[in-house]
Amino acid sequence: MGEVTALVDYGAGNLHSVENALRKVGANVSLTSDPDVIRAADRIVLPGVGSFRACAEGLRAVPGVIEAMHERVFVGGAPFLGICVGMQLLAARGLEHGETAGLGWIDGTVRLIEPTDPSVKVPHMGWNDVAPMPHARGHEVVNAGEAYFLHSFHFKARYHEDVLAMTDHGGGLVAAVGRDNYLGVQFHPEKSQGFGLALLERFLEWRP
């Protein structure tokens, strides 16, 4: 069967399109909310659609899942990918519908997009460039290209070295964050056609 990729199911939507995209690039996917399955997985993917608060509360409502992810990533060294709100949850806190604690894996705050140009609409929706940061060029997973975004809140990282890629929507917005063996992307690889599938394929091959 090969490596197992745990796709964390905590009621946060869009699961099956992510699952289908992962399977399309050859992943052996286990759609799961079982901490023991997560602890045994070779890789972990955390999706997320909707508000930061709803996703954070949903994740915390599933017993043992956060602890299992933390143990597998920080002790076991498993590669981890957060997608959309799953990426935002890596932050210390989110400010959507009040302040909510995130996982705190990457220091930063998720806040409302406030474009410098008033003609630029929020949410940021549609295709946009993914531009790797100079220090992150050549990253094994995040490459330059064009991806599909849909979000009204963005990840404001405290440390620039945690930012792997940027995009522009009335000002710079973080497109990807990461350190060591875990990363997150604000865009939707599962909706980003060839670019997104290639990113997921690289994630499956990633040996950080």
C-alpha atoms as a PDB file:
ATOM      1  CA  MET A   1       0.000   0.000   0.000  1.00  0.00           C
ATOM      2  CA  GLY A   2       2.938   2.386   0.539  1.00  0.00           C
ATOM      3  CA  GLU A   3       2.814   5.541   2.585  1.00  0.00           C
ATOM      4  CA  VAL A   4      -0.421   6.627   4.229  1.00  0.00           C
ATOM      5  CA  THR A   5      -1.530  10.267   4.045  1.00  0.00           C
ATOM      6  CA  ALA A   6      -3.967  11.170   6.823  1.00  0.00           C
ATOM      7  CA  LEU A   7      -6.545  13.699   5.629  1.00  0.00           C
ATOM      8  CA  VAL A   8      -7.942  15.122   8.851  1.00  0.00           C
ATOM      9  CA  ASP A   9     -11.742  15.091   8.998  1.00  0.00           C
ATOM     10  CA  TYR A  10     -13.120  17.579  11.529  1.00  0.00           C
ATOM     11  CA  GLY A  11     -16.221  18.713   9.657  1.00  0.00           C
ATOM     12  CA  ALA A  12     -14.495  21.611   7.893  1.00  0.00           C
ATOM     13  CA  GLY A  13     -15.752  21.087   4.356  1.00  0.00           C
ATOM     14  CA  ASN A  14     -14.152  20.530   0.963  1.00  0.00           C
ATOM     15  CA  LEU A  15     -12.775  17.210   2.137  1.00  0.00           C
ATOM     16  CA  HIS A  16     -13.723  15.120  -0.840  1.00  0.00           C
ATOM     17  CA  SER A  17     -12.289  17.429  -3.493  1.00  0.00           C
ATOM     18  CA  VAL A  18      -8.988  17.434  -1.555  1.00  0.00           C
ATOM     19  CA  GLU A  19      -9.193  13.650  -1.183  1.00  0.00           C
ATOM     20  CA  ASN A  20      -9.868  13.206  -4.911  1.00  0.00           C
ATOM     21  CA  ALA A  21      -6.945  15.464  -5.849  1.00  0.00           C
ATOM     22  CA  LEU A  22      -4.583  13.577  -3.540  1.00  0.00           C
ATOM     23  CA  ARG A  23      -5.704  10.228  -4.946  1.00  0.00           C
ATOM     24  CA  LYS A  24      -5.259  11.564  -8.480  1.00  0.00           C
ATOM     25  CA  VAL A  25      -1.546  12.104  -7.795  1.00  0.00           C
ATOM     26  CA  GLY A  26      -1.159   8.668  -6.238  1.00  0.00           C
ATOM     27  CA  ALA A  27      -1.685   9.218  -2.513  1.00  0.00           C
ATOM     28  CA  ASN A  28      -2.946   6.415  -0.302  1.00  0.00           C
ATOM     29  CA  VAL A  29      -5.431   8.586   1.612  1.00  0.00           C
ATOM     30  CA  SER A  30      -6.979   7.813   4.973  1.00  0.00           C
ATOM     31  CA  LEU A  31      -9.849  10.233   5.657  1.00  0.00           C
ATOM     32  CA  THR A  32      -9.845  10.188   9.432  1.00  0.00           C
ATOM     33  CA  SER A  33     -10.676  11.801  12.758  1.00  0.00           C
ATOM     34  CA  ASP A  34      -8.941   8.994  14.691  1.00  0.00           C
ATOM     35  CA  PRO A  35      -5.885  10.181  16.675  1.00  0.00           C
ATOM     36  CA  ASP A  36      -4.288   6.731  16.409  1.00  0.00           C
ATOM     37  CA  VAL A  37      -4.497   6.794  12.604  1.00  0.00           C
ATOM     38  CA  ILE A  38      -2.969  10.285  12.569  1.00  0.00           C
ATOM     39  CA  ARG A  39      -0.121   9.159  14.848  1.00  0.00           C
ATOM     40  CA  ALA A  40       0.639   6.271  12.490  1.00  0.00           C
ATOM     41  CA  ALA A  41       0.382   8.244   9.241  1.00  0.00           C
ATOM     42  CA  ASP A  42       3.383   9.025   7.061  1.00  0.00           C
ATOM     43  CA  ARG A  43       1.986  12.454   6.083  1.00  0.00           C
ATOM     44  CA  ILE A  44      -0.805  14.702   7.314  1.00  0.00           C
ATOM     45  CA  VAL A  45      -3.052  17.094   5.378  1.00  0.00           C
ATOM     46  CA  LEU A  46      -5.312  19.545   7.241  1.00  0.00           C
ATOM     47  CA  PRO A  47      -7.980  21.155   5.026  1.00  0.00           C
ATOM     48  CA  GLY A  48     -10.308  23.967   6.020  1.00  0.00           C
ATOM     49  CA  VAL A  49     -13.136  26.022   4.534  1.00  0.00           C
ATOM     50  CA  GLY A  50     -15.190  28.711   6.271  1.00  0.00           C
ATOM     51  CA  SER A  51     -14.322  30.905   9.210  1.00  0.00           C
ATOM     52  CA  PHE A  52     -11.195  30.629  11.348  1.00  0.00           C
ATOM     53  CA  ARG A  53     -13.305  30.424  14.495  1.00  0.00           C
ATOM     54  CA  ALA A  54     -15.583  27.643  13.208  1.00  0.00           C
ATOM     55  CA  CYS A  55     -12.622  25.592  11.979  1.00  0.00           C
ATOM     56  CA  ALA A  56     -10.629  26.077  15.200  1.00  0.00           C
ATOM     57  CA  GLU A  57     -13.623  25.093  17.313  1.00  0.00           C
ATOM     58  CA  GLY A  58     -14.367  22.121  15.064  1.00  0.00           C
ATOM     59  CA  LEU A  59     -10.797  20.869  15.330  1.00  0.00           C
ATOM     60  CA  ARG A  60     -10.755  21.243  19.116  1.00  0.00           C
ATOM     61  CA  ALA A  61     -14.065  19.386  19.359  1.00  0.00           C
ATOM     62  CA  VAL A  62     -12.534  16.148  18.040  1.00  0.00           C
ATOM     63  CA  PRO A  63     -10.832  14.479  21.032  1.00  0.00           C
ATOM     64  CA  GLY A  64      -7.096  13.939  20.737  1.00  0.00           C
ATOM     65  CA  VAL A  65      -6.660  15.108  17.126  1.00  0.00           C
ATOM     66  CA  ILE A  66      -4.593  18.242  17.832  1.00  0.00           C
ATOM     67  CA  GLU A  67      -2.366  16.316  20.242  1.00  0.00           C
ATOM     68  CA  ALA A  68      -1.903  13.520  17.694  1.00  0.00           C
ATOM     69  CA  MET A  69      -0.983  15.973  14.926  1.00  0.00           C
ATOM     70  CA  HIS A  70       1.480  17.763  17.203  1.00  0.00           C
ATOM     71  CA  GLU A  71       3.117  14.505  18.267  1.00  0.00           C
ATOM     72  CA  ARG A  72       3.385  13.122  14.733  1.00  0.00           C
ATOM     73  CA  VAL A  73       4.756  16.369  13.268  1.00  0.00           C
ATOM     74  CA  PHE A  74       7.022  17.621  16.053  1.00  0.00           C
ATOM     75  CA  VAL A  75       8.191  14.319  17.527  1.00  0.00           C
ATOM     76  CA  GLY A  76       7.743  11.942  14.587  1.00  0.00           C
ATOM     77  CA  GLY A  77       8.839  14.386  11.888  1.00  0.00           C
ATOM     78  CA  ALA A  78       5.974  13.654   9.494  1.00  0.00           C
ATOM     79  CA  PRO A  79       5.482  16.153   6.646  1.00  0.00           C
ATOM     80  CA  PHE A  80       2.364  18.296   7.147  1.00  0.00           C
ATOM     81  CA  LEU A  81       0.327  20.417   4.732  1.00  0.00           C
ATOM     82  CA  GLY A  82      -2.409  22.866   5.731  1.00  0.00           C
ATOM     83  CA  ILE A  83      -4.784  24.100   3.024  1.00  0.00           C
ATOM     84  CA  CYS A  84      -6.704  27.414   3.111  1.00  0.00           C
ATOM     85  CA  VAL A  85      -8.112  27.728   6.659  1.00  0.00           C
ATOM     86  CA  GLY A  86      -6.034  24.653   7.494  1.00  0.00           C
ATOM     87  CA  MET A  87      -3.017  26.858   6.746  1.00  0.00           C
ATOM     88  CA  GLN A  88      -4.457  29.769   8.732  1.00  0.00           C
ATOM     89  CA  LEU A  89      -4.904  27.534  11.785  1.00  0.00           C
ATOM     90  CA  LEU A  90      -1.104  27.288  12.034  1.00  0.00           C
ATOM     91  CA  ALA A  91      -1.151  30.893  13.309  1.00  0.00           C
ATOM     92  CA  ALA A  92      -1.168  31.910  16.951  1.00  0.00           C
ATOM     93  CA  ARG A  93      -4.578  33.552  16.618  1.00  0.00           C
ATOM     94  CA  GLY A  94      -7.334  34.557  14.235  1.00  0.00           C
ATOM     95  CA  LEU A  95      -9.491  37.685  14.395  1.00  0.00           C
ATOM     96  CA  GLU A  96     -12.530  36.445  12.448  1.00  0.00           C
ATOM     97  CA  HIS A  97     -15.715  36.746  14.562  1.00  0.00           C
ATOM     98  CA  GLY A  98     -13.624  37.810  17.550  1.00  0.00           C
ATOM     99  CA  GLU A  99     -10.250  36.518  18.663  1.00  0.00           C
ATOM    100  CA  THR A 100      -9.678  32.752  18.551  1.00  0.00           C
ATOM    101  CA  ALA A 101      -6.504  30.842  19.405  1.00  0.00           C
ATOM    102  CA  GLY A 102      -4.887  28.908  16.586  1.00  0.00           C
ATOM    103  CA  LEU A 103      -2.400  26.045  16.815  1.00  0.00           C
ATOM    104  CA  GLY A 104       0.510  28.455  17.302  1.00  0.00           C
ATOM    105  CA  TRP A 105       2.899  26.453  15.108  1.00  0.00           C
ATOM    106  CA  ILE A 106       3.891  29.627  13.212  1.00  0.00           C
ATOM    107  CA  ASP A 107       3.774  32.968  14.996  1.00  0.00           C
ATOM    108  CA  GLY A 108       1.295  35.293  13.354  1.00  0.00           C
ATOM    109  CA  THR A 109      -2.262  36.594  13.214  1.00  0.00           C
ATOM    110  CA  VAL A 110      -5.028  35.912  10.710  1.00  0.00           C
ATOM    111  CA  ARG A 111      -6.778  39.223   9.996  1.00  0.00           C
ATOM    112  CA  LEU A 112      -9.162  40.799   7.494  1.00  0.00           C
ATOM    113  CA  ILE A 113      -7.745  41.689   4.080  1.00  0.00           C
ATOM    114  CA  GLU A 114      -7.664  45.486   3.812  1.00  0.00           C
ATOM    115  CA  PRO A 115      -6.558  46.432   0.279  1.00  0.00           C
ATOM    116  CA  THR A 116      -4.657  49.687  -0.214  1.00  0.00           C
ATOM    117  CA  ASP A 117      -6.728  50.228  -3.373  1.00  0.00           C
ATOM    118  CA  PRO A 118     -10.447  50.660  -2.486  1.00  0.00           C
ATOM    119  CA  SER A 119     -11.483  49.298  -5.898  1.00  0.00           C
ATOM    120  CA  VAL A 120      -9.989  45.900  -5.018  1.00  0.00           C
ATOM    121  CA  LYS A 121     -12.727  43.573  -3.813  1.00  0.00           C
ATOM    122  CA  VAL A 122     -12.748  41.325  -0.756  1.00  0.00           C
ATOM    123  CA  PRO A 123     -12.927  38.349  -0.698  1.00  0.00           C
ATOM    124  CA  HIS A 124      -9.817  37.668  -2.757  1.00  0.00           C
ATOM    125  CA  MET A 125     -11.352  35.225  -5.216  1.00  0.00           C
ATOM    126  CA  GLY A 126     -10.005  33.646  -8.371  1.00  0.00           C
ATOM    127  CA  TRP A 127      -6.673  32.934 -10.012  1.00  0.00           C
ATOM    128  CA  ASN A 128      -3.556  34.767  -8.888  1.00  0.00           C
ATOM    129  CA  ASP A 129       0.208  34.422  -8.963  1.00  0.00           C
ATOM    130  CA  VAL A 130       2.162  32.485  -6.342  1.00  0.00           C
ATOM    131  CA  ALA A 131       5.579  34.124  -6.007  1.00  0.00           C
ATOM    132  CA  PRO A 132       8.131  32.276  -3.830  1.00  0.00           C
ATOM    133  CA  MET A 133      10.145  34.490  -1.487  1.00  0.00           C
ATOM    134  CA  PRO A 134      13.867  34.821  -2.289  1.00  0.00           C
ATOM    135  CA  HIS A 135      14.845  32.736   0.757  1.00  0.00           C
ATOM    136  CA  ALA A 136      12.342  30.038  -0.233  1.00  0.00           C
ATOM    137  CA  ARG A 137      13.085  29.735  -3.948  1.00  0.00           C
ATOM    138  CA  GLY A 138      13.784  26.157  -4.796  1.00  0.00           C
ATOM    139  CA  HIS A 139      11.575  24.919  -1.932  1.00  0.00           C
ATOM    140  CA  GLU A 140      10.739  21.280  -2.538  1.00  0.00           C
ATOM    141  CA  VAL A 141       6.960  21.893  -2.447  1.00  0.00           C
ATOM    142  CA  VAL A 142       6.079  25.535  -3.164  1.00  0.00           C
ATOM    143  CA  ASN A 143       6.930  26.693  -6.692  1.00  0.00           C
ATOM    144  CA  ALA A 144       6.009  29.767  -8.726  1.00  0.00           C
ATOM    145  CA  GLY A 145       2.800  29.597 -10.706  1.00  0.00           C
ATOM    146  CA  GLU A 146      -0.861  30.522 -10.716  1.00  0.00           C
ATOM    147  CA  ALA A 147      -3.346  29.163  -8.186  1.00  0.00           C
ATOM    148  CA  TYR A 148      -6.981  29.537  -7.171  1.00  0.00           C
ATOM    149  CA  PHE A 149      -7.670  31.625  -4.072  1.00  0.00           C
ATOM    150  CA  LEU A 150     -10.861  32.221  -2.084  1.00  0.00           C
ATOM    151  CA  HIS A 151     -10.460  34.071   1.231  1.00  0.00           C
ATOM    152  CA  SER A 152     -11.343  37.276   3.085  1.00  0.00           C
ATOM    153  CA  PHE A 153      -8.770  36.878   5.863  1.00  0.00           C
ATOM    154  CA  HIS A 154      -5.019  36.522   5.458  1.00  0.00           C
ATOM    155  CA  PHE A 155      -2.040  35.234   7.448  1.00  0.00           C
ATOM    156  CA  LYS A 156       0.141  38.054   8.789  1.00  0.00           C
ATOM    157  CA  ALA A 157       3.310  36.252   9.865  1.00  0.00           C
ATOM    158  CA  ARG A 158       5.468  37.758  12.581  1.00  0.00           C
ATOM    159  CA  TYR A 159       8.726  36.568  11.019  1.00  0.00           C
ATOM    160  CA  HIS A 160       9.402  36.980   7.301  1.00  0.00           C
ATOM    161  CA  GLU A 161      11.473  33.796   7.193  1.00  0.00           C
ATOM    162  CA  ASP A 162       8.269  31.802   7.865  1.00  0.00           C
ATOM    163  CA  VAL A 163       6.733  33.161   4.636  1.00  0.00           C
ATOM    164  CA  LEU A 164       7.434  30.862   1.682  1.00  0.00           C
ATOM    165  CA  ALA A 165       5.430  32.685  -0.999  1.00  0.00           C
ATOM    166  CA  MET A 166       3.388  35.822  -1.592  1.00  0.00           C
ATOM    167  CA  THR A 167       0.589  36.941  -3.896  1.00  0.00           C
ATOM    168  CA  ASP A 168      -0.826  40.398  -4.614  1.00  0.00           C
ATOM    169  CA  HIS A 169      -4.395  41.606  -4.149  1.00  0.00           C
ATOM    170  CA  GLY A 170      -4.446  45.325  -3.464  1.00  0.00           C
ATOM    171  CA  GLY A 171      -1.171  44.763  -1.604  1.00  0.00           C
ATOM    172  CA  GLY A 172       0.935  41.772  -0.681  1.00  0.00           C
ATOM    173  CA  LEU A 173      -0.776  38.733   0.847  1.00  0.00           C
ATOM    174  CA  VAL A 174       0.877  35.584   2.168  1.00  0.00           C
ATOM    175  CA  ALA A 175       0.318  32.628  -0.171  1.00  0.00           C
ATOM    176  CA  ALA A 176       2.346  30.022   1.750  1.00  0.00           C
ATOM    177  CA  VAL A 177       4.021  29.663   5.140  1.00  0.00           C
ATOM    178  CA  GLY A 178       6.219  26.946   6.564  1.00  0.00           C
ATOM    179  CA  ARG A 179       9.193  25.817   8.532  1.00  0.00           C
ATOM    180  CA  ASP A 180      11.001  22.516   8.996  1.00  0.00           C
ATOM    181  CA  ASN A 181       8.611  19.693   8.051  1.00  0.00           C
ATOM    182  CA  TYR A 182       5.317  21.601   8.012  1.00  0.00           C
ATOM    183  CA  LEU A 183       3.812  24.157   5.669  1.00  0.00           C
ATOM    184  CA  GLY A 184       0.523  25.693   4.651  1.00  0.00           C
ATOM    185  CA  VAL A 185      -0.878  27.223   1.478  1.00  0.00           C
ATOM    186  CA  GLN A 186      -3.608  29.860   1.378  1.00  0.00           C
ATOM    187  CA  PHE A 187      -4.772  28.818  -2.089  1.00  0.00           C
ATOM    188  CA  HIS A 188      -6.663  25.654  -3.007  1.00  0.00           C
ATOM    189  CA  PRO A 189      -4.370  23.113  -4.741  1.00  0.00           C
ATOM    190  CA  GLU A 190      -7.403  20.897  -5.387  1.00  0.00           C
ATOM    191  CA  LYS A 191      -8.963  23.708  -7.471  1.00  0.00           C
ATOM    192  CA  SER A 192      -5.731  24.879  -9.103  1.00  0.00           C
ATOM    193  CA  GLN A 193      -5.627  22.353 -11.948  1.00  0.00           C
ATOM    194  CA  GLY A 194      -2.142  21.324 -13.091  1.00  0.00           C
ATOM    195  CA  PHE A 195      -0.312  23.709 -10.770  1.00  0.00           C
ATOM    196  CA  GLY A 196      -2.175  22.416  -7.730  1.00  0.00           C
ATOM    197  CA  LEU A 197      -1.817  18.751  -8.604  1.00  0.00           C
ATOM    198  CA  ALA A 198       1.919  19.215  -9.151  1.00  0.00           C
ATOM    199  CA  LEU A 199       2.210  20.829  -5.716  1.00  0.00           C
ATOM    200  CA  LEU A 200       0.402  17.910  -4.077  1.00  0.00           C
ATOM    201  CA  GLU A 201       2.657  15.496  -5.950  1.00  0.00           C
ATOM    202  CA  ARG A 202       5.740  17.323  -4.654  1.00  0.00           C
ATOM    203  CA  PHE A 203       4.299  17.219  -1.123  1.00  0.00           C
ATOM    204  CA  LEU A 204       3.995  13.427  -1.392  1.00  0.00           C
ATOM    205  CA  GLU A 205       7.659  13.230  -2.417  1.00  0.00           C
ATOM    206  CA  TRP A 206       8.875  15.747   0.171  1.00  0.00           C
ATOM    207  CA  ARG A 207      11.534  14.425   2.557  1.00  0.00           C
ATOM    208  CA  PRO A 208      12.255  17.386   4.871  1.00  0.00           C
END
